[in-house]
Amino acid sequence: MEQVKVYYDPVGNSLTVWFGEPTREDVSTMVTDDLVVMKDKEGRVIGVEKLFFAAQPGTLRVQFETLTSALDALTK
């Protein structure tokens, strides 16, 4: 079963989302002033981190939705 891991750091004001195993991180690249992309040794993106992210206590909610790819929609 695939997992998405979401971490919010209220002290550091960051939100980190892992699409893969965090221990497989090989390189992190800052792509904008407030966004970091983490990749594994094969160059696959396994996580992103949003810096300067602040949420009011008790207001951070996460919603997940599975989307059908355009190719899947065309073949049905």
PDB file of N, CA and C in Angstrom:
ATOM      1  N   MET A   1       0.840  -1.181   0.000  1.00  0.00           N
ATOM      2  CA  MET A   1       0.000   0.000   0.000  1.00  0.00           C
ATOM      3  C   MET A   1       0.880   1.238   0.000  1.00  0.00           C
ATOM      4  N   GLU A   2       0.620   2.158  -0.913  1.00  0.00           N
ATOM      5  CA  GLU A   2       1.364   3.410  -0.981  1.00  0.00           C
ATOM      6  C   GLU A   2       0.940   4.323   0.158  1.00  0.00           C
ATOM      7  N   GLN A   3       1.868   5.123   0.636  1.00  0.00           N
ATOM      8  CA  GLN A   3       1.577   6.064   1.708  1.00  0.00           C
ATOM      9  C   GLN A   3       2.076   7.448   1.336  1.00  0.00           C
ATOM     10  N   VAL A   4       1.351   8.432   1.790  1.00  0.00           N
ATOM     11  CA  VAL A   4       1.800   9.815   1.729  1.00  0.00           C
ATOM     12  C   VAL A   4       1.941  10.256   3.173  1.00  0.00           C
ATOM     13  N   LYS A   5       3.112  10.794   3.508  1.00  0.00           N
ATOM     14  CA  LYS A   5       3.359  11.255   4.868  1.00  0.00           C
ATOM     15  C   LYS A   5       3.421  12.774   4.866  1.00  0.00           C
ATOM     16  N   VAL A   6       2.664  13.390   5.772  1.00  0.00           N
ATOM     17  CA  VAL A   6       2.599  14.847   5.855  1.00  0.00           C
ATOM     18  C   VAL A   6       3.053  15.264   7.241  1.00  0.00           C
ATOM     19  N   TYR A   7       4.030  16.173   7.281  1.00  0.00           N
ATOM     20  CA  TYR A   7       4.557  16.673   8.549  1.00  0.00           C
ATOM     21  C   TYR A   7       4.444  18.188   8.572  1.00  0.00           C
ATOM     22  N   TYR A   8       3.908  18.712   9.651  1.00  0.00           N
ATOM     23  CA  TYR A   8       3.842  20.156   9.839  1.00  0.00           C
ATOM     24  C   TYR A   8       4.713  20.516  11.031  1.00  0.00           C
ATOM     25  N   ASP A   9       5.635  21.435  10.828  1.00  0.00           N
ATOM     26  CA  ASP A   9       6.520  21.910  11.894  1.00  0.00           C
ATOM     27  C   ASP A   9       6.107  23.339  12.246  1.00  0.00           C
ATOM     28  N   PRO A  10       5.351  23.520  13.349  1.00  0.00           N
ATOM     29  CA  PRO A  10       4.888  24.862  13.701  1.00  0.00           C
ATOM     30  C   PRO A  10       6.007  25.766  14.201  1.00  0.00           C
ATOM     31  N   VAL A  11       7.099  25.185  14.677  1.00  0.00           N
ATOM     32  CA  VAL A  11       8.231  25.997  15.145  1.00  0.00           C
ATOM     33  C   VAL A  11       9.039  26.510  13.956  1.00  0.00           C
ATOM     34  N   GLY A  12       9.307  25.615  13.010  1.00  0.00           N
ATOM     35  CA  GLY A  12      10.076  25.993  11.824  1.00  0.00           C
ATOM     36  C   GLY A  12       9.220  26.528  10.690  1.00  0.00           C
ATOM     37  N   ASN A  13       7.893  26.536  10.884  1.00  0.00           N
ATOM     38  CA  ASN A  13       6.955  27.000   9.850  1.00  0.00           C
ATOM     39  C   ASN A  13       7.194  26.320   8.511  1.00  0.00           C
ATOM     40  N   SER A  14       7.125  24.994   8.525  1.00  0.00           N
ATOM     41  CA  SER A  14       7.283  24.267   7.275  1.00  0.00           C
ATOM     42  C   SER A  14       6.286  23.120   7.197  1.00  0.00           C
ATOM     43  N   LEU A  15       5.924  22.767   5.978  1.00  0.00           N
ATOM     44  CA  LEU A  15       5.039  21.644   5.707  1.00  0.00           C
ATOM     45  C   LEU A  15       5.784  20.725   4.747  1.00  0.00           C
ATOM     46  N   THR A  16       5.964  19.482   5.144  1.00  0.00           N
ATOM     47  CA  THR A  16       6.703  18.521   4.331  1.00  0.00           C
ATOM     48  C   THR A  16       5.782  17.377   3.949  1.00  0.00           C
ATOM     49  N   VAL A  17       5.794  17.032   2.666  1.00  0.00           N
ATOM     50  CA  VAL A  17       4.986  15.928   2.152  1.00  0.00           C
ATOM     51  C   VAL A  17       5.924  14.927   1.486  1.00  0.00           C
ATOM     52  N   TRP A  18       5.861  13.690   1.949  1.00  0.00           N
ATOM     53  CA  TRP A  18       6.678  12.610   1.382  1.00  0.00           C
ATOM     54  C   TRP A  18       5.796  11.687   0.560  1.00  0.00           C
ATOM     55  N   PHE A  19       6.196  11.432  -0.691  1.00  0.00           N
ATOM     56  CA  PHE A  19       5.511  10.488  -1.564  1.00  0.00           C
ATOM     57  C   PHE A  19       6.219   9.151  -1.544  1.00  0.00           C
ATOM     58  N   GLY A  20       7.445   9.159  -1.060  1.00  0.00           N
ATOM     59  CA  GLY A  20       8.257   7.952  -0.944  1.00  0.00           C
ATOM     60  C   GLY A  20       8.852   7.894   0.448  1.00  0.00           C
ATOM     61  N   GLU A  21       9.715   6.939   0.661  1.00  0.00           N
ATOM     62  CA  GLU A  21      10.333   6.747   1.967  1.00  0.00           C
ATOM     63  C   GLU A  21      11.359   7.851   2.236  1.00  0.00           C
ATOM     64  N   PRO A  22      11.196   8.620   3.314  1.00  0.00           N
ATOM     65  CA  PRO A  22      12.126   9.718   3.616  1.00  0.00           C
ATOM     66  C   PRO A  22      13.589   9.283   3.751  1.00  0.00           C
ATOM     67  N   THR A  23      13.813   8.057   4.188  1.00  0.00           N
ATOM     68  CA  THR A  23      15.198   7.584   4.357  1.00  0.00           C
ATOM     69  C   THR A  23      15.907   7.379   3.018  1.00  0.00           C
ATOM     70  N   ARG A  24      15.167   7.385   1.911  1.00  0.00           N
ATOM     71  CA  ARG A  24      15.769   7.215   0.582  1.00  0.00           C
ATOM     72  C   ARG A  24      16.217   8.540  -0.028  1.00  0.00           C
ATOM     73  N   GLU A  25      16.019   9.641   0.695  1.00  0.00           N
ATOM     74  CA  GLU A  25      16.410  10.959   0.181  1.00  0.00           C
ATOM     75  C   GLU A  25      17.906  10.991  -0.101  1.00  0.00           C
ATOM     76  N   ASP A  26      18.257  11.438  -1.295  1.00  0.00           N
ATOM     77  CA  ASP A  26      19.657  11.544  -1.693  1.00  0.00           C
ATOM     78  C   ASP A  26      20.066  12.998  -1.890  1.00  0.00           C
ATOM     79  N   VAL A  27      19.161  13.801  -2.458  1.00  0.00           N
ATOM     80  CA  VAL A  27      19.486  15.195  -2.734  1.00  0.00           C
ATOM     81  C   VAL A  27      18.242  16.055  -2.547  1.00  0.00           C
ATOM     82  N   SER A  28      18.459  17.248  -2.024  1.00  0.00           N
ATOM     83  CA  SER A  28      17.391  18.241  -1.874  1.00  0.00           C
ATOM     84  C   SER A  28      17.762  19.463  -2.699  1.00  0.00           C
ATOM     85  N   THR A  29      16.787  19.999  -3.420  1.00  0.00           N
ATOM     86  CA  THR A  29      17.031  21.156  -4.264  1.00  0.00           C
ATOM     87  C   THR A  29      15.998  22.232  -3.955  1.00  0.00           C
ATOM     88  N   MET A  30      16.483  23.429  -3.701  1.00  0.00           N
ATOM     89  CA  MET A  30      15.595  24.557  -3.473  1.00  0.00           C
ATOM     90  C   MET A  30      15.187  25.078  -4.850  1.00  0.00           C
ATOM     91  N   VAL A  31      13.897  24.950  -5.195  1.00  0.00           N
ATOM     92  CA  VAL A  31      13.445  25.334  -6.527  1.00  0.00           C
ATOM     93  C   VAL A  31      12.876  26.746  -6.565  1.00  0.00           C
ATOM     94  N   THR A  32      12.408  27.248  -5.421  1.00  0.00           N
ATOM     95  CA  THR A  32      12.007  28.644  -5.282  1.00  0.00           C
ATOM     96  C   THR A  32      12.455  29.084  -3.891  1.00  0.00           C
ATOM     97  N   ASP A  33      12.168  30.320  -3.542  1.00  0.00           N
ATOM     98  CA  ASP A  33      12.562  30.812  -2.220  1.00  0.00           C
ATOM     99  C   ASP A  33      11.888  30.071  -1.081  1.00  0.00           C
ATOM    100  N   ASP A  34      10.792  29.374  -1.386  1.00  0.00           N
ATOM    101  CA  ASP A  34      10.057  28.716  -0.308  1.00  0.00           C
ATOM    102  C   ASP A  34       9.660  27.270  -0.606  1.00  0.00           C
ATOM    103  N   LEU A  35      10.290  26.649  -1.613  1.00  0.00           N
ATOM    104  CA  LEU A  35       9.950  25.273  -1.958  1.00  0.00           C
ATOM    105  C   LEU A  35      11.200  24.439  -2.193  1.00  0.00           C
ATOM    106  N   VAL A  36      11.267  23.303  -1.485  1.00  0.00           N
ATOM    107  CA  VAL A  36      12.384  22.370  -1.604  1.00  0.00           C
ATOM    108  C   VAL A  36      11.841  21.059  -2.158  1.00  0.00           C
ATOM    109  N   VAL A  37      12.558  20.461  -3.114  1.00  0.00           N
ATOM    110  CA  VAL A  37      12.185  19.168  -3.681  1.00  0.00           C
ATOM    111  C   VAL A  37      13.246  18.156  -3.270  1.00  0.00           C
ATOM    112  N   MET A  38      12.795  17.008  -2.751  1.00  0.00           N
ATOM    113  CA  MET A  38      13.703  15.944  -2.346  1.00  0.00           C
ATOM    114  C   MET A  38      13.610  14.793  -3.345  1.00  0.00           C
ATOM    115  N   LYS A  39      14.770  14.278  -3.742  1.00  0.00           N
ATOM    116  CA  LYS A  39      14.834  13.184  -4.725  1.00  0.00           C
ATOM    117  C   LYS A  39      15.641  12.018  -4.172  1.00  0.00           C
ATOM    118  N   ASP A  40      15.373  10.820  -4.726  1.00  0.00           N
ATOM    119  CA  ASP A  40      16.148   9.641  -4.360  1.00  0.00           C
ATOM    120  C   ASP A  40      17.345   9.517  -5.309  1.00  0.00           C
ATOM    121  N   LYS A  41      18.114   8.452  -5.162  1.00  0.00           N
ATOM    122  CA  LYS A  41      19.325   8.275  -5.989  1.00  0.00           C
ATOM    123  C   LYS A  41      19.017   8.129  -7.470  1.00  0.00           C
ATOM    124  N   GLU A  42      17.803   7.676  -7.793  1.00  0.00           N
ATOM    125  CA  GLU A  42      17.409   7.529  -9.199  1.00  0.00           C
ATOM    126  C   GLU A  42      16.872   8.829  -9.784  1.00  0.00           C
ATOM    127  N   GLY A  43      16.798   9.884  -8.979  1.00  0.00           N
ATOM    128  CA  GLY A  43      16.318  11.173  -9.449  1.00  0.00           C
ATOM    129  C   GLY A  43      14.812  11.344  -9.379  1.00  0.00           C
ATOM    130  N   ARG A  44      14.119  10.392  -8.761  1.00  0.00           N
ATOM    131  CA  ARG A  44      12.672  10.496  -8.618  1.00  0.00           C
ATOM    132  C   ARG A  44      12.336  11.421  -7.454  1.00  0.00           C
ATOM    133  N   VAL A  45      11.336  12.257  -7.655  1.00  0.00           N
ATOM    134  CA  VAL A  45      10.875  13.137  -6.576  1.00  0.00           C
ATOM    135  C   VAL A  45      10.140  12.280  -5.555  1.00  0.00           C
ATOM    136  N   ILE A  46      10.609  12.338  -4.304  1.00  0.00           N
ATOM    137  CA  ILE A  46       9.968  11.564  -3.244  1.00  0.00           C
ATOM    138  C   ILE A  46       9.387  12.460  -2.156  1.00  0.00           C
ATOM    139  N   GLY A  47       9.578  13.773  -2.289  1.00  0.00           N
ATOM    140  CA  GLY A  47       9.017  14.677  -1.296  1.00  0.00           C
ATOM    141  C   GLY A  47       9.187  16.128  -1.676  1.00  0.00           C
ATOM    142  N   VAL A  48       8.362  16.967  -1.047  1.00  0.00           N
ATOM    143  CA  VAL A  48       8.456  18.416  -1.208  1.00  0.00           C
ATOM    144  C   VAL A  48       8.296  19.056   0.159  1.00  0.00           C
ATOM    145  N   GLU A  49       8.932  20.194   0.327  1.00  0.00           N
ATOM    146  CA  GLU A  49       8.813  20.932   1.578  1.00  0.00           C
ATOM    147  C   GLU A  49       8.496  22.381   1.271  1.00  0.00           C
ATOM    148  N   LYS A  50       7.417  22.870   1.878  1.00  0.00           N
ATOM    149  CA  LYS A  50       7.001  24.268   1.736  1.00  0.00           C
ATOM    150  C   LYS A  50       7.494  25.016   2.968  1.00  0.00           C
ATOM    151  N   LEU A  51       8.385  25.962   2.747  1.00  0.00           N
ATOM    152  CA  LEU A  51       8.922  26.769   3.833  1.00  0.00           C
ATOM    153  C   LEU A  51       8.006  27.966   4.077  1.00  0.00           C
ATOM    154  N   PHE A  52       8.150  28.593   5.214  1.00  0.00           N
ATOM    155  CA  PHE A  52       7.349  29.768   5.596  1.00  0.00           C
ATOM    156  C   PHE A  52       5.853  29.449   5.588  1.00  0.00           C
ATOM    157  N   PHE A  53       5.505  28.233   5.978  1.00  0.00           N
ATOM    158  CA  PHE A  53       4.113  27.801   6.022  1.00  0.00           C
ATOM    159  C   PHE A  53       3.631  27.874   7.462  1.00  0.00           C
ATOM    160  N   ALA A  54       2.631  28.669   7.725  1.00  0.00           N
ATOM    161  CA  ALA A  54       2.111  28.802   9.085  1.00  0.00           C
ATOM    162  C   ALA A  54       0.610  28.556   9.077  1.00  0.00           C
ATOM    163  N   ALA A  55       0.174  27.703   9.981  1.00  0.00           N
ATOM    164  CA  ALA A  55      -1.253  27.423  10.125  1.00  0.00           C
ATOM    165  C   ALA A  55      -1.668  27.779  11.541  1.00  0.00           C
ATOM    166  N   GLN A  56      -2.873  28.239  11.672  1.00  0.00           N
ATOM    167  CA  GLN A  56      -3.405  28.530  13.002  1.00  0.00           C
ATOM    168  C   GLN A  56      -3.597  27.204  13.741  1.00  0.00           C
ATOM    169  N   PRO A  57      -3.334  27.164  15.036  1.00  0.00           N
ATOM    170  CA  PRO A  57      -3.514  25.925  15.800  1.00  0.00           C
ATOM    171  C   PRO A  57      -4.915  25.341  15.603  1.00  0.00           C
ATOM    172  N   GLY A  58      -4.962  24.062  15.302  1.00  0.00           N
ATOM    173  CA  GLY A  58      -6.231  23.368  15.132  1.00  0.00           C
ATOM    174  C   GLY A  58      -6.908  23.570  13.794  1.00  0.00           C
ATOM    175  N   THR A  59      -6.266  24.286  12.860  1.00  0.00           N
ATOM    176  CA  THR A  59      -6.928  24.563  11.578  1.00  0.00           C
ATOM    177  C   THR A  59      -6.336  23.792  10.403  1.00  0.00           C
ATOM    178  N   LEU A  60      -5.231  23.093  10.604  1.00  0.00           N
ATOM    179  CA  LEU A  60      -4.591  22.395   9.487  1.00  0.00           C
ATOM    180  C   LEU A  60      -5.316  21.079   9.225  1.00  0.00           C
ATOM    181  N   ARG A  61      -5.937  20.995   8.056  1.00  0.00           N
ATOM    182  CA  ARG A  61      -6.635  19.780   7.651  1.00  0.00           C
ATOM    183  C   ARG A  61      -6.055  19.323   6.323  1.00  0.00           C
ATOM    184  N   VAL A  62      -5.985  18.026   6.127  1.00  0.00           N
ATOM    185  CA  VAL A  62      -5.445  17.462   4.892  1.00  0.00           C
ATOM    186  C   VAL A  62      -6.552  16.678   4.202  1.00  0.00           C
ATOM    187  N   GLN A  63      -6.740  16.930   2.927  1.00  0.00           N
ATOM    188  CA  GLN A  63      -7.746  16.224   2.140  1.00  0.00           C
ATOM    189  C   GLN A  63      -7.026  15.493   1.014  1.00  0.00           C
ATOM    190  N   PHE A  64      -7.340  14.226   0.840  1.00  0.00           N
ATOM    191  CA  PHE A  64      -6.741  13.441  -0.232  1.00  0.00           C
ATOM    192  C   PHE A  64      -7.812  13.058  -1.232  1.00  0.00           C
ATOM    193  N   GLU A  65      -7.435  13.090  -2.495  1.00  0.00           N
ATOM    194  CA  GLU A  65      -8.353  12.715  -3.546  1.00  0.00           C
ATOM    195  C   GLU A  65      -7.562  11.964  -4.598  1.00  0.00           C
ATOM    196  N   THR A  66      -8.066  10.830  -5.029  1.00  0.00           N
ATOM    197  CA  THR A  66      -7.424  10.057  -6.084  1.00  0.00           C
ATOM    198  C   THR A  66      -8.015  10.483  -7.411  1.00  0.00           C
ATOM    199  N   LEU A  67      -7.155  10.916  -8.312  1.00  0.00           N
ATOM    200  CA  LEU A  67      -7.601  11.379  -9.620  1.00  0.00           C
ATOM    201  C   LEU A  67      -7.343  10.312 -10.671  1.00  0.00           C
ATOM    202  N   THR A  68      -8.234  10.195 -11.619  1.00  0.00           N
ATOM    203  CA  THR A  68      -8.038   9.304 -12.742  1.00  0.00           C
ATOM    204  C   THR A  68      -7.199  10.030 -13.786  1.00  0.00           C
ATOM    205  N   SER A  69      -6.207   9.359 -14.303  1.00  0.00           N
ATOM    206  CA  SER A  69      -5.372  10.011 -15.315  1.00  0.00           C
ATOM    207  C   SER A  69      -6.161  10.199 -16.600  1.00  0.00           C
ATOM    208  N   ALA A  70      -5.733  11.127 -17.405  1.00  0.00           N
ATOM    209  CA  ALA A  70      -6.412  11.395 -18.679  1.00  0.00           C
ATOM    210  C   ALA A  70      -6.405  10.148 -19.565  1.00  0.00           C
ATOM    211  N   LEU A  71      -5.305   9.399 -19.534  1.00  0.00           N
ATOM    212  CA  LEU A  71      -5.217   8.182 -20.343  1.00  0.00           C
ATOM    213  C   LEU A  71      -6.243   7.152 -19.881  1.00  0.00           C
ATOM    214  N   ASP A  72      -6.392   6.982 -18.575  1.00  0.00           N
ATOM    215  CA  ASP A  72      -7.398   6.040 -18.053  1.00  0.00           C
ATOM    216  C   ASP A  72      -8.794   6.455 -18.492  1.00  0.00           C
ATOM    217  N   ALA A  73      -9.070   7.763 -18.443  1.00  0.00           N
ATOM    218  CA  ALA A  73     -10.390   8.255 -18.829  1.00  0.00           C
ATOM    219  C   ALA A  73     -10.677   7.988 -20.305  1.00  0.00           C
ATOM    220  N   LEU A  74      -9.647   8.076 -21.154  1.00  0.00           N
ATOM    221  CA  LEU A  74      -9.845   7.848 -22.591  1.00  0.00           C
ATOM    222  C   LEU A  74     -10.067   6.378 -22.925  1.00  0.00           C
ATOM    223  N   THR A  75      -9.544   5.484 -22.114  1.00  0.00           N
ATOM    224  CA  THR A  75      -9.657   4.056 -22.420  1.00  0.00           C
ATOM    225  C   THR A  75     -10.891   3.416 -21.830  1.00  0.00           C
ATOM    226  N   LYS A  76     -11.701   4.186 -21.109  1.00  0.00           N
ATOM    227  CA  LYS A  76     -12.933   3.608 -20.519  1.00  0.00           C
ATOM    228  C   LYS A  76     -14.105   3.801 -21.426  1.00  0.00           C
TER     229      LYS A  76
END
